[in-house]
C-alpha atoms as a PDB file:
ATOM      1  CA  UNK A   1     -37.310 -54.170  54.966  1.00  0.00           C
ATOM      2  CA  UNK A   2     -33.821 -53.656  53.427  1.00  0.00           C
ATOM      3  CA  UNK A   3     -34.964 -50.710  51.173  1.00  0.00           C
ATOM      4  CA  UNK A   4     -36.649 -49.301  54.106  1.00  0.00           C
ATOM      5  CA  UNK A   5     -34.050 -49.397  56.592  1.00  0.00           C
ATOM      6  CA  UNK A   6     -31.744 -47.881  54.040  1.00  0.00           C
ATOM      7  CA  UNK A   7     -34.351 -45.160  53.503  1.00  0.00           C
ATOM      8  CA  UNK A   8     -34.075 -44.216  56.642  1.00  0.00           C
ATOM      9  CA  UNK A   9     -30.596 -43.924  57.291  1.00  0.00           C
ATOM     10  CA  UNK A  10     -28.671 -43.678  54.166  1.00  0.00           C
ATOM     11  CA  UNK A  11     -30.397 -40.435  53.116  1.00  0.00           C
ATOM     12  CA  UNK A  12     -27.774 -38.348  55.240  1.00  0.00           C
ATOM     13  CA  UNK A  13     -24.916 -39.609  53.215  1.00  0.00           C
ATOM     14  CA  UNK A  14     -26.816 -38.689  49.951  1.00  0.00           C
ATOM     15  CA  UNK A  15     -27.370 -35.486  51.408  1.00  0.00           C
ATOM     16  CA  UNK A  16     -23.698 -35.057  52.234  1.00  0.00           C
ATOM     17  CA  UNK A  17     -22.631 -36.162  48.817  1.00  0.00           C
ATOM     18  CA  UNK A  18     -24.858 -33.654  47.059  1.00  0.00           C
ATOM     19  CA  UNK A  19     -23.946 -30.690  49.304  1.00  0.00           C
ATOM     20  CA  UNK A  20     -19.968 -31.402  48.816  1.00  0.00           C
ATOM     21  CA  UNK A  21     -20.833 -31.895  44.712  1.00  0.00           C
ATOM     22  CA  UNK A  22     -22.371 -28.560  44.859  1.00  0.00           C
ATOM     23  CA  UNK A  23     -19.636 -27.130  46.869  1.00  0.00           C
ATOM     24  CA  UNK A  24     -16.778 -28.454  44.896  1.00  0.00           C
ATOM     25  CA  UNK A  25     -18.851 -27.451  41.667  1.00  0.00           C
ATOM     26  CA  UNK A  26     -19.294 -24.356  42.947  1.00  0.00           C
ATOM     27  CA  UNK A  27     -15.483 -24.043  43.803  1.00  0.00           C
ATOM     28  CA  UNK A  28     -13.968 -24.740  40.688  1.00  0.00           C
ATOM     29  CA  UNK A  29     -16.717 -22.320  38.592  1.00  0.00           C
ATOM     30  CA  UNK A  30     -15.325 -19.510  41.200  1.00  0.00           C
ATOM     31  CA  UNK A  31     -11.677 -20.417  40.390  1.00  0.00           C
ATOM     32  CA  UNK A  32     -11.790 -20.808  36.640  1.00  0.00           C
ATOM     33  CA  UNK A  33     -10.898 -17.509  34.845  1.00  0.00           C
ATOM     34  CA  UNK A  34      -9.079 -16.335  38.191  1.00  0.00           C
ATOM     35  CA  UNK A  35      -5.411 -15.017  38.370  1.00  0.00           C
ATOM     36  CA  UNK A  36      -4.925 -17.940  41.069  1.00  0.00           C
ATOM     37  CA  UNK A  37      -6.220 -20.330  38.652  1.00  0.00           C
ATOM     38  CA  UNK A  38      -2.813 -21.589  37.109  1.00  0.00           C
ATOM     39  CA  UNK A  39      -1.312 -22.107  40.686  1.00  0.00           C
ATOM     40  CA  UNK A  40      -4.239 -24.509  41.950  1.00  0.00           C
ATOM     41  CA  UNK A  41      -4.137 -26.002  38.853  1.00  0.00           C
ATOM     42  CA  UNK A  42      -0.827 -27.680  39.323  1.00  0.00           C
ATOM     43  CA  UNK A  43      -0.448 -27.473  43.356  1.00  0.00           C
ATOM     44  CA  UNK A  44      -3.868 -29.268  43.704  1.00  0.00           C
ATOM     45  CA  UNK A  45      -2.996 -32.587  42.212  1.00  0.00           C
ATOM     46  CA  UNK A  46       0.490 -32.653  43.657  1.00  0.00           C
ATOM     47  CA  UNK A  47      -1.010 -32.357  47.609  1.00  0.00           C
ATOM     48  CA  UNK A  48      -3.448 -35.009  46.694  1.00  0.00           C
ATOM     49  CA  UNK A  49      -1.093 -37.204  45.467  1.00  0.00           C
ATOM     50  CA  UNK A  50       1.397 -36.536  48.512  1.00  0.00           C
ATOM     51  CA  UNK A  51      -1.848 -36.950  51.062  1.00  0.00           C
ATOM     52  CA  UNK A  52      -2.408 -40.133  48.965  1.00  0.00           C
ATOM     53  CA  UNK A  53       1.462 -41.731  49.460  1.00  0.00           C
ATOM     54  CA  UNK A  54       1.513 -40.344  52.905  1.00  0.00           C
ATOM     55  CA  UNK A  55      -1.924 -42.158  53.985  1.00  0.00           C
ATOM     56  CA  UNK A  56      -0.896 -45.214  52.267  1.00  0.00           C
ATOM     57  CA  UNK A  57       2.352 -45.910  53.132  1.00  0.00           C
ATOM     58  CA  UNK A  58       1.849 -44.576  56.841  1.00  0.00           C
ATOM     59  CA  UNK A  59       4.557 -41.705  56.560  1.00  0.00           C
ATOM     60  CA  UNK A  60       3.731 -39.789  59.829  1.00  0.00           C
ATOM     61  CA  UNK A  61       6.118 -37.116  59.659  1.00  0.00           C
ATOM     62  CA  UNK A  62       5.296 -36.092  55.972  1.00  0.00           C
ATOM     63  CA  UNK A  63       1.612 -36.330  57.441  1.00  0.00           C
ATOM     64  CA  UNK A  64       1.858 -34.066  60.225  1.00  0.00           C
ATOM     65  CA  UNK A  65       3.307 -31.595  58.049  1.00  0.00           C
ATOM     66  CA  UNK A  66       1.190 -31.788  55.010  1.00  0.00           C
ATOM     67  CA  UNK A  67      -1.859 -31.468  57.934  1.00  0.00           C
ATOM     68  CA  UNK A  68      -0.082 -27.973  58.592  1.00  0.00           C
ATOM     69  CA  UNK A  69       0.229 -27.144  55.394  1.00  0.00           C
ATOM     70  CA  UNK A  70      -3.143 -27.331  54.869  1.00  0.00           C
ATOM     71  CA  UNK A  71      -4.073 -25.094  57.676  1.00  0.00           C
ATOM     72  CA  UNK A  72      -1.323 -22.249  56.173  1.00  0.00           C
ATOM     73  CA  UNK A  73      -2.981 -23.236  52.550  1.00  0.00           C
ATOM     74  CA  UNK A  74      -6.607 -22.034  53.650  1.00  0.00           C
ATOM     75  CA  UNK A  75      -5.044 -18.435  54.639  1.00  0.00           C
ATOM     76  CA  UNK A  76      -2.973 -18.193  51.358  1.00  0.00           C
ATOM     77  CA  UNK A  77      -6.281 -18.590  49.250  1.00  0.00           C
ATOM     78  CA  UNK A  78      -8.193 -15.912  51.181  1.00  0.00           C
ATOM     79  CA  UNK A  79      -5.181 -13.992  50.386  1.00  0.00           C
ATOM     80  CA  UNK A  80      -4.801 -14.711  46.327  1.00  0.00           C
ATOM     81  CA  UNK A  81      -8.788 -14.828  46.104  1.00  0.00           C
ATOM     82  CA  UNK A  82      -9.207 -11.452  47.912  1.00  0.00           C
ATOM     83  CA  UNK A  83     -10.358  -9.542  45.294  1.00  0.00           C
ATOM     84  CA  UNK A  84     -12.912 -12.345  43.542  1.00  0.00           C
ATOM     85  CA  UNK A  85     -14.089 -12.528  47.408  1.00  0.00           C
ATOM     86  CA  UNK A  86     -14.286  -9.208  47.745  1.00  0.00           C
ATOM     87  CA  UNK A  87     -16.516  -8.956  44.376  1.00  0.00           C
ATOM     88  CA  UNK A  88     -18.749 -11.658  45.111  1.00  0.00           C
ATOM     89  CA  UNK A  89     -19.586 -10.834  48.857  1.00  0.00           C
ATOM     90  CA  UNK A  90     -20.246  -7.324  47.188  1.00  0.00           C
ATOM     91  CA  UNK A  91     -22.842  -9.221  44.940  1.00  0.00           C
ATOM     92  CA  UNK A  92     -24.487 -11.314  47.778  1.00  0.00           C
ATOM     93  CA  UNK A  93     -24.622  -8.109  50.118  1.00  0.00           C
ATOM     94  CA  UNK A  94     -25.562  -5.129  48.429  1.00  0.00           C
ATOM     95  CA  UNK A  95     -29.186  -4.306  46.748  1.00  0.00           C
ATOM     96  CA  UNK A  96     -28.922  -2.374  43.445  1.00  0.00           C
ATOM     97  CA  UNK A  97     -29.739   1.167  43.218  1.00  0.00           C
ATOM     98  CA  UNK A  98     -33.349   1.449  42.089  1.00  0.00           C
ATOM     99  CA  UNK A  99     -32.952   2.813  38.370  1.00  0.00           C
ATOM    100  CA  UNK A 100     -36.205   2.883  36.078  1.00  0.00           C
ATOM    101  CA  UNK A 101     -35.784   0.845  32.860  1.00  0.00           C
ATOM    102  CA  UNK A 102     -36.380   3.550  30.506  1.00  0.00           C
ATOM    103  CA  UNK A 103     -33.496   5.603  32.358  1.00  0.00           C
ATOM    104  CA  UNK A 104     -31.159   2.783  31.764  1.00  0.00           C
ATOM    105  CA  UNK A 105     -31.854   1.945  28.406  1.00  0.00           C
ATOM    106  CA  UNK A 106     -31.134   5.842  27.388  1.00  0.00           C
ATOM    107  CA  UNK A 107     -27.924   5.511  29.640  1.00  0.00           C
ATOM    108  CA  UNK A 108     -27.193   2.436  27.358  1.00  0.00           C
ATOM    109  CA  UNK A 109     -28.125   4.101  24.078  1.00  0.00           C
ATOM    110  CA  UNK A 110     -25.939   7.149  24.784  1.00  0.00           C
ATOM    111  CA  UNK A 111     -22.971   4.962  25.585  1.00  0.00           C
ATOM    112  CA  UNK A 112     -23.616   2.656  22.585  1.00  0.00           C
ATOM    113  CA  UNK A 113     -23.898   5.963  19.942  1.00  0.00           C
ATOM    114  CA  UNK A 114     -20.715   7.050  21.142  1.00  0.00           C
ATOM    115  CA  UNK A 115     -18.808   3.621  20.717  1.00  0.00           C
ATOM    116  CA  UNK A 116     -20.593   3.674  16.978  1.00  0.00           C
ATOM    117  CA  UNK A 117     -18.996   7.067  16.282  1.00  0.00           C
ATOM    118  CA  UNK A 118     -15.768   6.731  17.496  1.00  0.00           C
ATOM    119  CA  UNK A 119     -15.340   3.217  16.226  1.00  0.00           C
ATOM    120  CA  UNK A 120     -15.053   3.987  12.309  1.00  0.00           C
ATOM    121  CA  UNK A 121     -12.642   6.666  12.670  1.00  0.00           C
ATOM    122  CA  UNK A 122     -10.373   4.907  15.541  1.00  0.00           C
ATOM    123  CA  UNK A 123     -10.778   7.280  18.235  1.00  0.00           C
ATOM    124  CA  UNK A 124      -9.805   4.920  21.665  1.00  0.00           C
ATOM    125  CA  UNK A 125     -12.298   5.276  24.444  1.00  0.00           C
ATOM    126  CA  UNK A 126     -12.342   3.686  27.807  1.00  0.00           C
ATOM    127  CA  UNK A 127     -15.606   3.656  30.049  1.00  0.00           C
ATOM    128  CA  UNK A 128     -16.474   1.937  33.113  1.00  0.00           C
ATOM    129  CA  UNK A 129     -19.830   1.713  34.031  1.00  0.00           C
ATOM    130  CA  UNK A 130     -20.077   1.636  38.000  1.00  0.00           C
ATOM    131  CA  UNK A 131     -22.739  -0.826  39.129  1.00  0.00           C
ATOM    132  CA  UNK A 132     -22.980  -2.159  43.267  1.00  0.00           C
ATOM    133  CA  UNK A 133     -19.144  -1.055  44.169  1.00  0.00           C
ATOM    134  CA  UNK A 134     -18.119   2.340  44.064  1.00  0.00           C
ATOM    135  CA  UNK A 135     -14.674   2.844  41.804  1.00  0.00           C
ATOM    136  CA  UNK A 136     -13.253   5.626  43.861  1.00  0.00           C
ATOM    137  CA  UNK A 137     -10.972   3.286  46.102  1.00  0.00           C
ATOM    138  CA  UNK A 138      -9.148   1.206  42.959  1.00  0.00           C
ATOM    139  CA  UNK A 139      -8.781   4.002  40.299  1.00  0.00           C
ATOM    140  CA  UNK A 140      -6.163   6.631  40.514  1.00  0.00           C
ATOM    141  CA  UNK A 141      -6.177  10.548  39.551  1.00  0.00           C
ATOM    142  CA  UNK A 142      -8.576  11.758  37.061  1.00  0.00           C
ATOM    143  CA  UNK A 143     -10.454  15.055  37.096  1.00  0.00           C
ATOM    144  CA  UNK A 144     -14.098  15.191  38.583  1.00  0.00           C
ATOM    145  CA  UNK A 145     -16.602  15.853  35.923  1.00  0.00           C
ATOM    146  CA  UNK A 146     -20.007  15.041  37.489  1.00  0.00           C
ATOM    147  CA  UNK A 147     -22.005  15.844  34.418  1.00  0.00           C
ATOM    148  CA  UNK A 148     -25.132  14.564  32.679  1.00  0.00           C
ATOM    149  CA  UNK A 149     -24.073  11.450  30.304  1.00  0.00           C
ATOM    150  CA  UNK A 150     -24.438  12.374  26.820  1.00  0.00           C
ATOM    151  CA  UNK A 151     -22.999  11.393  23.264  1.00  0.00           C
ATOM    152  CA  UNK A 152     -21.366  14.320  22.626  1.00  0.00           C
ATOM    153  CA  UNK A 153     -19.853  15.002  26.151  1.00  0.00           C
ATOM    154  CA  UNK A 154     -18.514  11.494  26.088  1.00  0.00           C
ATOM    155  CA  UNK A 155     -17.201  12.343  22.288  1.00  0.00           C
ATOM    156  CA  UNK A 156     -15.533  15.303  23.745  1.00  0.00           C
ATOM    157  CA  UNK A 157     -13.873  13.800  26.734  1.00  0.00           C
ATOM    158  CA  UNK A 158     -11.953  10.911  24.011  1.00  0.00           C
ATOM    159  CA  UNK A 159     -11.477  13.426  21.323  1.00  0.00           C
ATOM    160  CA  UNK A 160      -7.845  13.508  20.353  1.00  0.00           C
ATOM    161  CA  UNK A 161      -5.663  16.279  21.620  1.00  0.00           C
ATOM    162  CA  UNK A 162      -8.130  16.669  24.565  1.00  0.00           C
ATOM    163  CA  UNK A 163      -6.456  17.219  27.813  1.00  0.00           C
ATOM    164  CA  UNK A 164      -8.429  14.560  29.327  1.00  0.00           C
ATOM    165  CA  UNK A 165      -8.585  12.228  26.328  1.00  0.00           C
ATOM    166  CA  UNK A 166      -5.959   9.854  28.110  1.00  0.00           C
ATOM    167  CA  UNK A 167      -7.219   7.105  30.798  1.00  0.00           C
ATOM    168  CA  UNK A 168     -10.673   6.277  31.581  1.00  0.00           C
ATOM    169  CA  UNK A 169     -14.474   8.000  31.796  1.00  0.00           C
ATOM    170  CA  UNK A 170     -16.540   6.619  35.168  1.00  0.00           C
ATOM    171  CA  UNK A 171     -19.944   6.302  34.441  1.00  0.00           C
ATOM    172  CA  UNK A 172     -22.683   6.042  37.311  1.00  0.00           C
ATOM    173  CA  UNK A 173     -26.490   5.897  36.027  1.00  0.00           C
ATOM    174  CA  UNK A 174     -26.774   8.881  33.645  1.00  0.00           C
ATOM    175  CA  UNK A 175     -24.026  10.937  35.139  1.00  0.00           C
ATOM    176  CA  UNK A 176     -20.481  10.872  34.123  1.00  0.00           C
ATOM    177  CA  UNK A 177     -18.528  10.859  37.215  1.00  0.00           C
ATOM    178  CA  UNK A 178     -14.494  11.259  36.369  1.00  0.00           C
ATOM    179  CA  UNK A 179     -12.251  11.365  33.303  1.00  0.00           C
ATOM    180  CA  UNK A 180      -8.438  10.654  32.763  1.00  0.00           C
ATOM    181  CA  UNK A 181      -8.738   8.060  35.505  1.00  0.00           C
ATOM    182  CA  UNK A 182      -5.880   5.243  35.794  1.00  0.00           C
ATOM    183  CA  UNK A 183      -7.419   1.892  36.372  1.00  0.00           C
ATOM    184  CA  UNK A 184      -5.622  -0.856  37.917  1.00  0.00           C
ATOM    185  CA  UNK A 185      -4.183  -2.909  34.948  1.00  0.00           C
ATOM    186  CA  UNK A 186      -4.450  -7.015  34.876  1.00  0.00           C
ATOM    187  CA  UNK A 187      -1.140  -9.130  36.470  1.00  0.00           C
ATOM    188  CA  UNK A 188      -2.444 -12.114  33.986  1.00  0.00           C
ATOM    189  CA  UNK A 189       0.305 -13.601  32.332  1.00  0.00           C
ATOM    190  CA  UNK A 190      -1.425 -15.772  29.786  1.00  0.00           C
ATOM    191  CA  UNK A 191      -2.777 -12.302  27.532  1.00  0.00           C
ATOM    192  CA  UNK A 192      -1.626 -11.763  23.938  1.00  0.00           C
ATOM    193  CA  UNK A 193       1.719  -9.465  24.265  1.00  0.00           C
ATOM    194  CA  UNK A 194      -0.064  -7.401  21.708  1.00  0.00           C
ATOM    195  CA  UNK A 195      -3.005  -6.652  23.382  1.00  0.00           C
ATOM    196  CA  UNK A 196      -2.909  -2.620  24.411  1.00  0.00           C
ATOM    197  CA  UNK A 197      -2.905  -0.621  27.887  1.00  0.00           C
ATOM    198  CA  UNK A 198      -6.901  -0.036  27.414  1.00  0.00           C
ATOM    199  CA  UNK A 199      -8.038  -3.312  27.403  1.00  0.00           C
ATOM    200  CA  UNK A 200      -5.342  -4.503  29.914  1.00  0.00           C
ATOM    201  CA  UNK A 201      -6.894  -2.131  32.237  1.00  0.00           C
ATOM    202  CA  UNK A 202     -10.457  -3.102  31.587  1.00  0.00           C
ATOM    203  CA  UNK A 203      -9.656  -6.594  32.603  1.00  0.00           C
ATOM    204  CA  UNK A 204      -7.853  -5.651  35.786  1.00  0.00           C
ATOM    205  CA  UNK A 205     -10.211  -3.253  36.677  1.00  0.00           C
ATOM    206  CA  UNK A 206     -13.539  -5.786  36.544  1.00  0.00           C
ATOM    207  CA  UNK A 207     -11.133  -8.362  38.120  1.00  0.00           C
ATOM    208  CA  UNK A 208     -11.227  -6.220  41.414  1.00  0.00           C
ATOM    209  CA  UNK A 209     -15.031  -4.671  41.100  1.00  0.00           C
ATOM    210  CA  UNK A 210     -18.226  -5.770  39.617  1.00  0.00           C
ATOM    211  CA  UNK A 211     -17.847  -2.669  36.589  1.00  0.00           C
ATOM    212  CA  UNK A 212     -18.660  -3.261  33.101  1.00  0.00           C
ATOM    213  CA  UNK A 213     -15.696  -1.493  31.184  1.00  0.00           C
ATOM    214  CA  UNK A 214     -16.381  -0.459  27.665  1.00  0.00           C
ATOM    215  CA  UNK A 215     -13.153  -0.550  25.342  1.00  0.00           C
ATOM    216  CA  UNK A 216     -12.711   1.169  21.409  1.00  0.00           C
ATOM    217  CA  UNK A 217      -9.224   0.371  19.985  1.00  0.00           C
ATOM    218  CA  UNK A 218      -7.303   3.409  19.118  1.00  0.00           C
ATOM    219  CA  UNK A 219      -5.228   0.972  16.324  1.00  0.00           C
ATOM    220  CA  UNK A 220      -8.330  -1.065  15.103  1.00  0.00           C
ATOM    221  CA  UNK A 221     -11.409   0.479  16.091  1.00  0.00           C
ATOM    222  CA  UNK A 222     -12.460  -2.630  17.238  1.00  0.00           C
ATOM    223  CA  UNK A 223     -14.975  -3.062  20.328  1.00  0.00           C
ATOM    224  CA  UNK A 224     -14.830  -4.838  23.493  1.00  0.00           C
ATOM    225  CA  UNK A 225     -16.471  -5.443  26.513  1.00  0.00           C
ATOM    226  CA  UNK A 226     -15.046  -6.460  29.945  1.00  0.00           C
ATOM    227  CA  UNK A 227     -16.884  -8.424  32.705  1.00  0.00           C
ATOM    228  CA  UNK A 228     -15.577 -10.254  35.836  1.00  0.00           C
ATOM    229  CA  UNK A 229     -12.231 -10.286  34.486  1.00  0.00           C
ATOM    230  CA  UNK A 230     -12.999 -11.575  31.064  1.00  0.00           C
ATOM    231  CA  UNK A 231     -12.616  -9.341  28.165  1.00  0.00           C
ATOM    232  CA  UNK A 232     -14.836  -9.995  24.876  1.00  0.00           C
ATOM    233  CA  UNK A 233     -13.713  -8.662  21.438  1.00  0.00           C
ATOM    234  CA  UNK A 234     -14.295  -8.054  19.224  1.00  0.00           C
ATOM    235  CA  UNK A 235     -18.042  -6.884  18.806  1.00  0.00           C
ATOM    236  CA  UNK A 236     -20.344  -5.391  16.815  1.00  0.00           C
ATOM    237  CA  UNK A 237     -22.767  -2.202  17.888  1.00  0.00           C
ATOM    238  CA  UNK A 238     -25.900  -4.716  18.472  1.00  0.00           C
ATOM    239  CA  UNK A 239     -23.786  -7.222  20.563  1.00  0.00           C
ATOM    240  CA  UNK A 240     -22.776  -4.598  22.782  1.00  0.00           C
ATOM    241  CA  UNK A 241     -26.065  -3.098  22.999  1.00  0.00           C
ATOM    242  CA  UNK A 242     -27.261  -6.319  23.893  1.00  0.00           C
ATOM    243  CA  UNK A 243     -24.601  -7.132  26.649  1.00  0.00           C
ATOM    244  CA  UNK A 244     -25.436  -4.164  28.135  1.00  0.00           C
ATOM    245  CA  UNK A 245     -29.238  -4.395  28.311  1.00  0.00           C
ATOM    246  CA  UNK A 246     -28.915  -7.888  29.757  1.00  0.00           C
ATOM    247  CA  UNK A 247     -26.918  -6.853  32.222  1.00  0.00           C
ATOM    248  CA  UNK A 248     -27.684  -3.362  33.306  1.00  0.00           C
ATOM    249  CA  UNK A 249     -31.171  -3.363  32.609  1.00  0.00           C
ATOM    250  CA  UNK A 250     -33.299  -4.176  35.462  1.00  0.00           C
ATOM    251  CA  UNK A 251     -35.566  -7.035  35.909  1.00  0.00           C
ATOM    252  CA  UNK A 252     -38.331  -7.818  38.681  1.00  0.00           C
ATOM    253  CA  UNK A 253     -36.064  -9.061  41.297  1.00  0.00           C
ATOM    254  CA  UNK A 254     -36.707 -12.725  42.962  1.00  0.00           C
ATOM    255  CA  UNK A 255     -37.716 -12.599  47.017  1.00  0.00           C
ATOM    256  CA  UNK A 256     -36.958 -14.388  49.990  1.00  0.00           C
ATOM    257  CA  UNK A 257     -34.729 -17.507  49.332  1.00  0.00           C
ATOM    258  CA  UNK A 258     -34.947 -17.366  45.694  1.00  0.00           C
ATOM    259  CA  UNK A 259     -32.932 -14.006  45.661  1.00  0.00           C
ATOM    260  CA  UNK A 260     -30.200 -15.331  47.678  1.00  0.00           C
ATOM    261  CA  UNK A 261     -30.075 -18.358  45.396  1.00  0.00           C
ATOM    262  CA  UNK A 262     -29.985 -15.824  42.381  1.00  0.00           C
ATOM    263  CA  UNK A 263     -27.363 -14.045  43.893  1.00  0.00           C
ATOM    264  CA  UNK A 264     -25.357 -16.848  44.560  1.00  0.00           C
ATOM    265  CA  UNK A 265     -25.405 -17.719  40.807  1.00  0.00           C
ATOM    266  CA  UNK A 266     -24.501 -14.652  39.544  1.00  0.00           C
ATOM    267  CA  UNK A 267     -21.440 -14.755  42.196  1.00  0.00           C
ATOM    268  CA  UNK A 268     -20.503 -18.312  40.916  1.00  0.00           C
ATOM    269  CA  UNK A 269     -21.399 -17.726  37.210  1.00  0.00           C
ATOM    270  CA  UNK A 270     -18.271 -18.011  34.880  1.00  0.00           C
ATOM    271  CA  UNK A 271     -17.450 -14.893  32.863  1.00  0.00           C
ATOM    272  CA  UNK A 272     -17.701 -15.165  28.896  1.00  0.00           C
ATOM    273  CA  UNK A 273     -14.744 -16.715  27.390  1.00  0.00           C
ATOM    274  CA  UNK A 274     -11.861 -14.030  26.637  1.00  0.00           C
ATOM    275  CA  UNK A 275     -10.697 -13.520  23.391  1.00  0.00           C
ATOM    276  CA  UNK A 276      -6.966 -12.481  23.826  1.00  0.00           C
END
């Protein structure tokens, strides 16, 4: 009888605990690897300690101040994580543009072929692959190109002494939109000082947008890619092809509630570990 009563009245706390657990786990996944993660790592334990002390010792003035501070903290978190929140909402609220699997594979192969040609001869390259979010409001400068995406055209744009070889190239589908564009640099302080401007620009752009950025180092010829503010390097041509295919080639999308769950998981999914 007691078990039946517990089942009748105890399911609500169980549901609340499950929802809180999922929310806390998702929050940690969302924060991990972002620019504000280090600040929260130091601030949250301190606030938790002060809250426990003020409650145990009944420090009413400090308790009132902490309650007011938590209200301000909520607004501060929105400001601190504005790029990440914007990226998450964009992924949840937009539908991918229809692109055939064959066309997307051809686009990937054009980029991979260009990388395969430039990396051995140490010609630097920086390519942003636009996805759901348009990059025009984030990047600066550059020259409109608006031509077909081909490996020959990409190699020409990045060839040394070319007037457009500095800066990045923006690609949308099978079109090259812009060359010699300036991408925002990351403000992260935990990166190696030896990391070049191209790699910092790749991280910076993917911190603020859902773009994929491919980098070829001019110093070493190594290949790298950035997604969700994380840089993966060095990678081989085959690894780059596999990554781009897994991210960009359209798959049969789930429908209804399953689609929103998939998008939510994608928005909170932690990025690959950075190799700095």
